[in-house]
């Protein structure tokens, strides 16, 4: 999935937006946070965000987060690891996750 060419692959790159207090404060500065597929590159993420939201992306930063230990009773397991990306948009563009009705 390093270089998807068709629209179906671009849609599957971004899993969901990450909505936390910190990411909401970053939204005010035109930075948006997403959870993406582990195998995609920054260029692919840029293409996917530009296609899905019709915006101009200036910068893409990625983080590969490690799996975390999870304990349920006496059983110990791991939560899955994932890739997080922070995307900076052009000052004229915005993504509205919560549209007003």
PDB file of N, CA and C in Angstrom:
ATOM      1  N   UNK A   1       0.813  -1.181   0.000  1.00  0.00           N
ATOM      2  CA  UNK A   1       0.000   0.000   0.000  1.00  0.00           C
ATOM      3  C   UNK A   1       0.861   1.251   0.000  1.00  0.00           C
ATOM      4  N   UNK A   2       2.064   1.138  -0.509  1.00  0.00           N
ATOM      5  CA  UNK A   2       2.982   2.257  -0.470  1.00  0.00           C
ATOM      6  C   UNK A   2       2.580   3.371  -1.426  1.00  0.00           C
ATOM      7  N   UNK A   3       1.998   3.061  -2.573  1.00  0.00           N
ATOM      8  CA  UNK A   3       1.669   4.093  -3.543  1.00  0.00           C
ATOM      9  C   UNK A   3       0.329   3.792  -4.216  1.00  0.00           C
ATOM     10  N   UNK A   4      -0.793   4.021  -3.535  1.00  0.00           N
ATOM     11  CA  UNK A   4      -2.079   3.701  -4.162  1.00  0.00           C
ATOM     12  C   UNK A   4      -2.371   4.645  -5.315  1.00  0.00           C
ATOM     13  N   UNK A   5      -2.958   4.099  -6.354  1.00  0.00           N
ATOM     14  CA  UNK A   5      -3.238   4.893  -7.533  1.00  0.00           C
ATOM     15  C   UNK A   5      -4.721   5.178  -7.697  1.00  0.00           C
ATOM     16  N   UNK A   6      -5.576   4.277  -7.226  1.00  0.00           N
ATOM     17  CA  UNK A   6      -6.999   4.493  -7.453  1.00  0.00           C
ATOM     18  C   UNK A   6      -7.673   5.062  -6.208  1.00  0.00           C
ATOM     19  N   UNK A   7      -8.898   5.503  -6.381  1.00  0.00           N
ATOM     20  CA  UNK A   7      -9.650   6.191  -5.333  1.00  0.00           C
ATOM     21  C   UNK A   7      -9.956   5.271  -4.161  1.00  0.00           C
ATOM     22  N   UNK A   8     -10.241   4.007  -4.423  1.00  0.00           N
ATOM     23  CA  UNK A   8     -10.559   3.062  -3.354  1.00  0.00           C
ATOM     24  C   UNK A   8      -9.421   2.911  -2.361  1.00  0.00           C
ATOM     25  N   UNK A   9      -8.188   2.881  -2.850  1.00  0.00           N
ATOM     26  CA  UNK A   9      -7.033   2.778  -1.963  1.00  0.00           C
ATOM     27  C   UNK A   9      -6.826   4.058  -1.161  1.00  0.00           C
ATOM     28  N   UNK A  10      -7.074   5.213  -1.767  1.00  0.00           N
ATOM     29  CA  UNK A  10      -6.910   6.480  -1.057  1.00  0.00           C
ATOM     30  C   UNK A  10      -7.905   6.608   0.093  1.00  0.00           C
ATOM     31  N   UNK A  11      -9.099   6.083  -0.088  1.00  0.00           N
ATOM     32  CA  UNK A  11     -10.112   6.160   0.957  1.00  0.00           C
ATOM     33  C   UNK A  11      -9.729   5.286   2.150  1.00  0.00           C
ATOM     34  N   UNK A  12      -9.064   4.163   1.908  1.00  0.00           N
ATOM     35  CA  UNK A  12      -8.704   3.241   2.981  1.00  0.00           C
ATOM     36  C   UNK A  12      -7.446   3.644   3.744  1.00  0.00           C
ATOM     37  N   UNK A  13      -6.732   4.666   3.278  1.00  0.00           N
ATOM     38  CA  UNK A  13      -5.507   5.099   3.944  1.00  0.00           C
ATOM     39  C   UNK A  13      -5.822   5.657   5.331  1.00  0.00           C
ATOM     40  N   UNK A  14      -6.799   6.558   5.433  1.00  0.00           N
ATOM     41  CA  UNK A  14      -7.154   7.191   6.699  1.00  0.00           C
ATOM     42  C   UNK A  14      -8.229   6.354   7.381  1.00  0.00           C
ATOM     43  N   UNK A  15      -7.942   5.904   8.601  1.00  0.00           N
ATOM     44  CA  UNK A  15      -8.917   5.098   9.329  1.00  0.00           C
ATOM     45  C   UNK A  15      -9.956   5.987  10.011  1.00  0.00           C
ATOM     46  N   UNK A  16      -9.494   6.955  10.801  1.00  0.00           N
ATOM     47  CA  UNK A  16     -10.416   7.873  11.471  1.00  0.00           C
ATOM     48  C   UNK A  16      -9.643   9.067  12.034  1.00  0.00           C
ATOM     49  N   UNK A  17     -10.329  10.192  12.255  1.00  0.00           N
ATOM     50  CA  UNK A  17      -9.660  11.328  12.897  1.00  0.00           C
ATOM     51  C   UNK A  17      -9.522  11.080  14.399  1.00  0.00           C
ATOM     52  N   UNK A  18      -8.451  11.574  14.971  1.00  0.00           N
ATOM     53  CA  UNK A  18      -8.222  11.435  16.401  1.00  0.00           C
ATOM     54  C   UNK A  18      -8.736  12.702  17.085  1.00  0.00           C
ATOM     55  N   UNK A  19      -9.741  12.543  17.938  1.00  0.00           N
ATOM     56  CA  UNK A  19     -10.359  13.685  18.608  1.00  0.00           C
ATOM     57  C   UNK A  19     -10.009  13.609  20.092  1.00  0.00           C
ATOM     58  N   UNK A  20      -9.072  14.431  20.529  1.00  0.00           N
ATOM     59  CA  UNK A  20      -8.698  14.544  21.934  1.00  0.00           C
ATOM     60  C   UNK A  20      -8.614  16.032  22.267  1.00  0.00           C
ATOM     61  N   UNK A  21      -8.341  16.356  23.524  1.00  0.00           N
ATOM     62  CA  UNK A  21      -8.203  17.762  23.904  1.00  0.00           C
ATOM     63  C   UNK A  21      -7.036  18.402  23.168  1.00  0.00           C
ATOM     64  N   UNK A  22      -5.925  17.698  23.112  1.00  0.00           N
ATOM     65  CA  UNK A  22      -4.743  18.246  22.464  1.00  0.00           C
ATOM     66  C   UNK A  22      -4.964  18.432  20.958  1.00  0.00           C
ATOM     67  N   UNK A  23      -5.592  17.450  20.319  1.00  0.00           N
ATOM     68  CA  UNK A  23      -5.820  17.569  18.876  1.00  0.00           C
ATOM     69  C   UNK A  23      -6.848  18.651  18.569  1.00  0.00           C
ATOM     70  N   UNK A  24      -7.801  18.884  19.473  1.00  0.00           N
ATOM     71  CA  UNK A  24      -8.779  19.948  19.266  1.00  0.00           C
ATOM     72  C   UNK A  24      -8.109  21.317  19.354  1.00  0.00           C
ATOM     73  N   UNK A  25      -7.146  21.468  20.261  1.00  0.00           N
ATOM     74  CA  UNK A  25      -6.397  22.736  20.333  1.00  0.00           C
ATOM     75  C   UNK A  25      -5.532  22.922  19.097  1.00  0.00           C
ATOM     76  N   UNK A  26      -5.002  21.819  18.559  1.00  0.00           N
ATOM     77  CA  UNK A  26      -4.202  21.908  17.333  1.00  0.00           C
ATOM     78  C   UNK A  26      -5.068  22.277  16.129  1.00  0.00           C
ATOM     79  N   UNK A  27      -6.354  21.877  16.151  1.00  0.00           N
ATOM     80  CA  UNK A  27      -7.257  22.213  15.051  1.00  0.00           C
ATOM     81  C   UNK A  27      -7.391  23.716  14.885  1.00  0.00           C
ATOM     82  N   UNK A  28      -7.308  24.474  15.981  1.00  0.00           N
ATOM     83  CA  UNK A  28      -7.399  25.925  15.908  1.00  0.00           C
ATOM     84  C   UNK A  28      -6.206  26.524  15.177  1.00  0.00           C
ATOM     85  N   UNK A  29      -5.066  25.808  15.187  1.00  0.00           N
ATOM     86  CA  UNK A  29      -3.860  26.275  14.495  1.00  0.00           C
ATOM     87  C   UNK A  29      -3.712  25.636  13.115  1.00  0.00           C
ATOM     88  N   UNK A  30      -4.777  24.984  12.650  1.00  0.00           N
ATOM     89  CA  UNK A  30      -4.828  24.353  11.331  1.00  0.00           C
ATOM     90  C   UNK A  30      -3.982  23.083  11.229  1.00  0.00           C
ATOM     91  N   UNK A  31      -3.821  22.367  12.344  1.00  0.00           N
ATOM     92  CA  UNK A  31      -3.199  21.049  12.365  1.00  0.00           C
ATOM     93  C   UNK A  31      -4.300  20.034  12.664  1.00  0.00           C
ATOM     94  N   UNK A  32      -4.330  18.922  11.932  1.00  0.00           N
ATOM     95  CA  UNK A  32      -5.362  17.906  12.104  1.00  0.00           C
ATOM     96  C   UNK A  32      -4.699  16.557  12.313  1.00  0.00           C
ATOM     97  N   UNK A  33      -5.253  15.749  13.217  1.00  0.00           N
ATOM     98  CA  UNK A  33      -4.660  14.473  13.614  1.00  0.00           C
ATOM     99  C   UNK A  33      -5.532  13.317  13.137  1.00  0.00           C
ATOM    100  N   UNK A  34      -4.893  12.315  12.526  1.00  0.00           N
ATOM    101  CA  UNK A  34      -5.596  11.143  12.016  1.00  0.00           C
ATOM    102  C   UNK A  34      -4.850   9.880  12.411  1.00  0.00           C
ATOM    103  N   UNK A  35      -5.593   8.781  12.525  1.00  0.00           N
ATOM    104  CA  UNK A  35      -5.005   7.449  12.634  1.00  0.00           C
ATOM    105  C   UNK A  35      -5.020   6.867  11.223  1.00  0.00           C
ATOM    106  N   UNK A  36      -3.871   6.377  10.765  1.00  0.00           N
ATOM    107  CA  UNK A  36      -3.740   5.905   9.387  1.00  0.00           C
ATOM    108  C   UNK A  36      -3.214   4.472   9.380  1.00  0.00           C
ATOM    109  N   UNK A  37      -3.239   3.868   8.203  1.00  0.00           N
ATOM    110  CA  UNK A  37      -2.691   2.530   8.012  1.00  0.00           C
ATOM    111  C   UNK A  37      -1.183   2.563   8.286  1.00  0.00           C
ATOM    112  N   UNK A  38      -0.652   1.496   8.894  1.00  0.00           N
ATOM    113  CA  UNK A  38       0.752   1.480   9.311  1.00  0.00           C
ATOM    114  C   UNK A  38       1.741   1.527   8.155  1.00  0.00           C
ATOM    115  N   UNK A  39       1.328   1.079   6.985  1.00  0.00           N
ATOM    116  CA  UNK A  39       2.277   0.903   5.886  1.00  0.00           C
ATOM    117  C   UNK A  39       2.353   2.082   4.916  1.00  0.00           C
ATOM    118  N   UNK A  40       1.541   3.104   5.087  1.00  0.00           N
ATOM    119  CA  UNK A  40       1.501   4.182   4.099  1.00  0.00           C
ATOM    120  C   UNK A  40       2.603   5.198   4.341  1.00  0.00           C
ATOM    121  N   UNK A  41       2.955   5.900   3.268  1.00  0.00           N
ATOM    122  CA  UNK A  41       3.994   6.920   3.327  1.00  0.00           C
ATOM    123  C   UNK A  41       3.365   8.296   3.519  1.00  0.00           C
ATOM    124  N   UNK A  42       4.218   9.284   3.774  1.00  0.00           N
ATOM    125  CA  UNK A  42       3.731  10.656   3.965  1.00  0.00           C
ATOM    126  C   UNK A  42       3.090  11.193   2.692  1.00  0.00           C
ATOM    127  N   UNK A  43       3.657  10.869   1.555  1.00  0.00           N
ATOM    128  CA  UNK A  43       3.110  11.346   0.279  1.00  0.00           C
ATOM    129  C   UNK A  43       1.719  10.758   0.035  1.00  0.00           C
ATOM    130  N   UNK A  44       1.520   9.503   0.376  1.00  0.00           N
ATOM    131  CA  UNK A  44       0.217   8.870   0.214  1.00  0.00           C
ATOM    132  C   UNK A  44      -0.813   9.489   1.152  1.00  0.00           C
ATOM    133  N   UNK A  45      -0.397   9.785   2.390  1.00  0.00           N
ATOM    134  CA  UNK A  45      -1.293  10.441   3.350  1.00  0.00           C
ATOM    135  C   UNK A  45      -1.695  11.812   2.831  1.00  0.00           C
ATOM    136  N   UNK A  46      -0.747  12.538   2.279  1.00  0.00           N
ATOM    137  CA  UNK A  46      -1.030  13.863   1.723  1.00  0.00           C
ATOM    138  C   UNK A  46      -2.051  13.769   0.589  1.00  0.00           C
ATOM    139  N   UNK A  47      -1.869  12.813  -0.315  1.00  0.00           N
ATOM    140  CA  UNK A  47      -2.812  12.632  -1.419  1.00  0.00           C
ATOM    141  C   UNK A  47      -4.200  12.280  -0.913  1.00  0.00           C
ATOM    142  N   UNK A  48      -4.278  11.423   0.104  1.00  0.00           N
ATOM    143  CA  UNK A  48      -5.569  10.979   0.629  1.00  0.00           C
ATOM    144  C   UNK A  48      -6.324  12.125   1.299  1.00  0.00           C
ATOM    145  N   UNK A  49      -5.628  12.926   2.110  1.00  0.00           N
ATOM    146  CA  UNK A  49      -6.286  14.044   2.798  1.00  0.00           C
ATOM    147  C   UNK A  49      -6.739  15.088   1.784  1.00  0.00           C
ATOM    148  N   UNK A  50      -5.905  15.380   0.800  1.00  0.00           N
ATOM    149  CA  UNK A  50      -6.286  16.359  -0.219  1.00  0.00           C
ATOM    150  C   UNK A  50      -7.483  15.876  -1.027  1.00  0.00           C
ATOM    151  N   UNK A  51      -7.552  14.581  -1.312  1.00  0.00           N
ATOM    152  CA  UNK A  51      -8.672  14.054  -2.090  1.00  0.00           C
ATOM    153  C   UNK A  51      -9.958  14.009  -1.264  1.00  0.00           C
ATOM    154  N   UNK A  52      -9.877  13.491  -0.033  1.00  0.00           N
ATOM    155  CA  UNK A  52     -11.076  13.296   0.779  1.00  0.00           C
ATOM    156  C   UNK A  52     -11.708  14.598   1.263  1.00  0.00           C
ATOM    157  N   UNK A  53     -10.884  15.575   1.633  1.00  0.00           N
ATOM    158  CA  UNK A  53     -11.414  16.795   2.237  1.00  0.00           C
ATOM    159  C   UNK A  53     -11.307  18.021   1.330  1.00  0.00           C
ATOM    160  N   UNK A  54     -10.755  17.889   0.143  1.00  0.00           N
ATOM    161  CA  UNK A  54     -10.594  18.992  -0.824  1.00  0.00           C
ATOM    162  C   UNK A  54      -9.874  20.178  -0.198  1.00  0.00           C
ATOM    163  N   UNK A  55      -8.692  19.923   0.357  1.00  0.00           N
ATOM    164  CA  UNK A  55      -7.880  20.945   1.001  1.00  0.00           C
ATOM    165  C   UNK A  55      -6.459  20.880   0.455  1.00  0.00           C
ATOM    166  N   UNK A  56      -5.642  21.878   0.794  1.00  0.00           N
ATOM    167  CA  UNK A  56      -4.241  21.923   0.398  1.00  0.00           C
ATOM    168  C   UNK A  56      -3.385  21.597   1.618  1.00  0.00           C
ATOM    169  N   UNK A  57      -2.617  20.507   1.564  1.00  0.00           N
ATOM    170  CA  UNK A  57      -1.769  20.068   2.669  1.00  0.00           C
ATOM    171  C   UNK A  57      -0.375  20.650   2.496  1.00  0.00           C
ATOM    172  N   UNK A  58       0.144  21.269   3.574  1.00  0.00           N
ATOM    173  CA  UNK A  58       1.487  21.839   3.533  1.00  0.00           C
ATOM    174  C   UNK A  58       2.534  20.895   4.123  1.00  0.00           C
ATOM    175  N   UNK A  59       2.166  20.162   5.179  1.00  0.00           N
ATOM    176  CA  UNK A  59       3.154  19.366   5.895  1.00  0.00           C
ATOM    177  C   UNK A  59       2.488  18.132   6.502  1.00  0.00           C
ATOM    178  N   UNK A  60       3.220  17.023   6.537  1.00  0.00           N
ATOM    179  CA  UNK A  60       2.724  15.780   7.136  1.00  0.00           C
ATOM    180  C   UNK A  60       3.784  15.261   8.102  1.00  0.00           C
ATOM    181  N   UNK A  61       3.372  15.033   9.355  1.00  0.00           N
ATOM    182  CA  UNK A  61       4.266  14.438  10.359  1.00  0.00           C
ATOM    183  C   UNK A  61       3.645  13.126  10.813  1.00  0.00           C
ATOM    184  N   UNK A  62       4.456  12.072  10.966  1.00  0.00           N
ATOM    185  CA  UNK A  62       3.926  10.767  11.362  1.00  0.00           C
ATOM    186  C   UNK A  62       4.631  10.256  12.605  1.00  0.00           C
ATOM    187  N   UNK A  63       3.915   9.435  13.377  1.00  0.00           N
ATOM    188  CA  UNK A  63       4.448   8.794  14.568  1.00  0.00           C
ATOM    189  C   UNK A  63       3.998   7.350  14.579  1.00  0.00           C
ATOM    190  N   UNK A  64       4.935   6.417  14.747  1.00  0.00           N
ATOM    191  CA  UNK A  64       4.587   5.016  14.942  1.00  0.00           C
ATOM    192  C   UNK A  64       4.554   4.761  16.436  1.00  0.00           C
ATOM    193  N   UNK A  65       3.372   4.583  16.992  1.00  0.00           N
ATOM    194  CA  UNK A  65       3.226   4.412  18.425  1.00  0.00           C
ATOM    195  C   UNK A  65       3.358   2.941  18.803  1.00  0.00           C
ATOM    196  N   UNK A  66       4.051   2.647  19.903  1.00  0.00           N
ATOM    197  CA  UNK A  66       4.273   1.248  20.287  1.00  0.00           C
ATOM    198  C   UNK A  66       3.021   0.633  20.895  1.00  0.00           C
ATOM    199  N   UNK A  67       2.939  -0.711  20.922  1.00  0.00           N
ATOM    200  CA  UNK A  67       1.794  -1.357  21.587  1.00  0.00           C
ATOM    201  C   UNK A  67       1.886  -1.126  23.095  1.00  0.00           C
ATOM    202  N   UNK A  68       0.730  -1.013  23.761  1.00  0.00           N
ATOM    203  CA  UNK A  68       0.701  -0.792  25.200  1.00  0.00           C
ATOM    204  C   UNK A  68       0.230  -2.058  25.902  1.00  0.00           C
ATOM    205  N   UNK A  69       0.765  -2.286  27.089  1.00  0.00           N
ATOM    206  CA  UNK A  69       0.366  -3.439  27.884  1.00  0.00           C
ATOM    207  C   UNK A  69      -1.038  -3.226  28.427  1.00  0.00           C
ATOM    208  N   UNK A  70      -1.844  -4.251  28.394  1.00  0.00           N
ATOM    209  CA  UNK A  70      -3.224  -4.176  28.885  1.00  0.00           C
ATOM    210  C   UNK A  70      -3.464  -5.388  29.769  1.00  0.00           C
ATOM    211  N   UNK A  71      -3.992  -5.135  30.946  1.00  0.00           N
ATOM    212  CA  UNK A  71      -4.238  -6.228  31.890  1.00  0.00           C
ATOM    213  C   UNK A  71      -5.725  -6.309  32.194  1.00  0.00           C
ATOM    214  N   UNK A  72      -6.296  -7.498  32.038  1.00  0.00           N
ATOM    215  CA  UNK A  72      -7.687  -7.751  32.384  1.00  0.00           C
ATOM    216  C   UNK A  72      -7.677  -8.932  33.346  1.00  0.00           C
ATOM    217  N   UNK A  73      -7.896  -8.642  34.632  1.00  0.00           N
ATOM    218  CA  UNK A  73      -7.815  -9.704  35.630  1.00  0.00           C
ATOM    219  C   UNK A  73      -6.403 -10.221  35.738  1.00  0.00           C
ATOM    220  N   UNK A  74      -6.243 -11.524  35.566  1.00  0.00           N
ATOM    221  CA  UNK A  74      -4.900 -12.103  35.645  1.00  0.00           C
ATOM    222  C   UNK A  74      -4.243 -12.251  34.280  1.00  0.00           C
ATOM    223  N   UNK A  75      -4.940 -11.860  33.231  1.00  0.00           N
ATOM    224  CA  UNK A  75      -4.421 -12.011  31.873  1.00  0.00           C
ATOM    225  C   UNK A  75      -3.768 -10.724  31.405  1.00  0.00           C
ATOM    226  N   UNK A  76      -2.614 -10.859  30.811  1.00  0.00           N
ATOM    227  CA  UNK A  76      -1.882  -9.708  30.297  1.00  0.00           C
ATOM    228  C   UNK A  76      -1.796  -9.825  28.785  1.00  0.00           C
ATOM    229  N   UNK A  77      -2.119  -8.753  28.112  1.00  0.00           N
ATOM    230  CA  UNK A  77      -2.034  -8.730  26.661  1.00  0.00           C
ATOM    231  C   UNK A  77      -1.539  -7.370  26.212  1.00  0.00           C
ATOM    232  N   UNK A  78      -1.654  -7.101  24.943  1.00  0.00           N
ATOM    233  CA  UNK A  78      -1.202  -5.829  24.394  1.00  0.00           C
ATOM    234  C   UNK A  78      -2.290  -5.215  23.533  1.00  0.00           C
ATOM    235  N   UNK A  79      -2.434  -3.899  23.662  1.00  0.00           N
ATOM    236  CA  UNK A  79      -3.289  -3.175  22.734  1.00  0.00           C
ATOM    237  C   UNK A  79      -2.514  -3.027  21.436  1.00  0.00           C
ATOM    238  N   UNK A  80      -3.189  -2.968  20.314  1.00  0.00           N
ATOM    239  CA  UNK A  80      -2.460  -2.906  19.049  1.00  0.00           C
ATOM    240  C   UNK A  80      -1.729  -1.569  18.875  1.00  0.00           C
ATOM    241  N   UNK A  81      -0.586  -1.635  18.183  1.00  0.00           N
ATOM    242  CA  UNK A  81       0.109  -0.398  17.863  1.00  0.00           C
ATOM    243  C   UNK A  81      -0.511   0.196  16.607  1.00  0.00           C
ATOM    244  N   UNK A  82      -0.317   1.498  16.416  1.00  0.00           N
ATOM    245  CA  UNK A  82      -0.909   2.170  15.277  1.00  0.00           C
ATOM    246  C   UNK A  82      -0.031   3.326  14.854  1.00  0.00           C
ATOM    247  N   UNK A  83      -0.350   3.915  13.715  1.00  0.00           N
ATOM    248  CA  UNK A  83       0.397   5.035  13.176  1.00  0.00           C
ATOM    249  C   UNK A  83      -0.477   6.273  13.231  1.00  0.00           C
ATOM    250  N   UNK A  84       0.048   7.328  13.843  1.00  0.00           N
ATOM    251  CA  UNK A  84      -0.680   8.581  13.970  1.00  0.00           C
ATOM    252  C   UNK A  84      -0.014   9.611  13.074  1.00  0.00           C
ATOM    253  N   UNK A  85      -0.801  10.465  12.453  1.00  0.00           N
ATOM    254  CA  UNK A  85      -0.249  11.502  11.608  1.00  0.00           C
ATOM    255  C   UNK A  85      -0.859  12.852  11.961  1.00  0.00           C
ATOM    256  N   UNK A  86      -0.038  13.886  11.892  1.00  0.00           N
ATOM    257  CA  UNK A  86      -0.494  15.261  12.110  1.00  0.00           C
ATOM    258  C   UNK A  86      -0.274  16.000  10.798  1.00  0.00           C
ATOM    259  N   UNK A  87      -1.356  16.573  10.269  1.00  0.00           N
ATOM    260  CA  UNK A  87      -1.339  17.205   8.954  1.00  0.00           C
ATOM    261  C   UNK A  87      -1.543  18.709   9.130  1.00  0.00           C
ATOM    262  N   UNK A  88      -0.672  19.497   8.523  1.00  0.00           N
ATOM    263  CA  UNK A  88      -0.819  20.953   8.548  1.00  0.00           C
ATOM    264  C   UNK A  88      -1.433  21.392   7.227  1.00  0.00           C
ATOM    265  N   UNK A  89      -2.510  22.177   7.312  1.00  0.00           N
ATOM    266  CA  UNK A  89      -3.200  22.652   6.120  1.00  0.00           C
ATOM    267  C   UNK A  89      -2.831  24.089   5.814  1.00  0.00           C
ATOM    268  N   UNK A  90      -3.120  24.492   4.586  1.00  0.00           N
ATOM    269  CA  UNK A  90      -2.953  25.870   4.165  1.00  0.00           C
ATOM    270  C   UNK A  90      -3.873  26.754   5.012  1.00  0.00           C
ATOM    271  N   UNK A  91      -3.497  28.007   5.218  1.00  0.00           N
ATOM    272  CA  UNK A  91      -4.267  28.892   6.100  1.00  0.00           C
ATOM    273  C   UNK A  91      -5.682  29.159   5.584  1.00  0.00           C
ATOM    274  N   UNK A  92      -5.932  28.978   4.299  1.00  0.00           N
ATOM    275  CA  UNK A  92      -7.265  29.215   3.732  1.00  0.00           C
ATOM    276  C   UNK A  92      -8.192  28.012   3.875  1.00  0.00           C
ATOM    277  N   UNK A  93      -7.670  26.859   4.244  1.00  0.00           N
ATOM    278  CA  UNK A  93      -8.453  25.623   4.287  1.00  0.00           C
ATOM    279  C   UNK A  93      -8.757  25.200   5.722  1.00  0.00           C
ATOM    280  N   UNK A  94      -9.906  24.562   5.881  1.00  0.00           N
ATOM    281  CA  UNK A  94     -10.336  24.025   7.181  1.00  0.00           C
ATOM    282  C   UNK A  94     -11.052  22.699   6.958  1.00  0.00           C
ATOM    283  N   UNK A  95     -10.991  21.812   7.964  1.00  0.00           N
ATOM    284  CA  UNK A  95     -11.766  20.580   7.982  1.00  0.00           C
ATOM    285  C   UNK A  95     -12.730  20.699   9.156  1.00  0.00           C
ATOM    286  N   UNK A  96     -14.015  20.538   8.903  1.00  0.00           N
ATOM    287  CA  UNK A  96     -15.019  20.672   9.954  1.00  0.00           C
ATOM    288  C   UNK A  96     -15.519  19.284  10.332  1.00  0.00           C
ATOM    289  N   UNK A  97     -15.053  18.753  11.483  1.00  0.00           N
ATOM    290  CA  UNK A  97     -15.483  17.436  11.938  1.00  0.00           C
ATOM    291  C   UNK A  97     -16.857  17.461  12.567  1.00  0.00           C
ATOM    292  N   UNK A  98     -17.260  18.610  13.114  1.00  0.00           N
ATOM    293  CA  UNK A  98     -18.541  18.748  13.780  1.00  0.00           C
ATOM    294  C   UNK A  98     -19.365  19.833  13.110  1.00  0.00           C
ATOM    295  N   UNK A  99     -20.056  19.506  12.018  1.00  0.00           N
ATOM    296  CA  UNK A  99     -20.855  20.548  11.336  1.00  0.00           C
ATOM    297  C   UNK A  99     -22.045  20.975  12.190  1.00  0.00           C
ATOM    298  N   UNK A 100     -22.343  22.250  12.120  1.00  0.00           N
ATOM    299  CA  UNK A 100     -23.509  22.773  12.850  1.00  0.00           C
ATOM    300  C   UNK A 100     -24.765  22.485  12.059  1.00  0.00           C
ATOM    301  N   UNK A 101     -25.823  22.001  12.751  1.00  0.00           N
ATOM    302  CA  UNK A 101     -27.039  21.647  12.029  1.00  0.00           C
ATOM    303  C   UNK A 101     -27.954  22.810  11.844  1.00  0.00           C
TER     304      UNK A 101
END
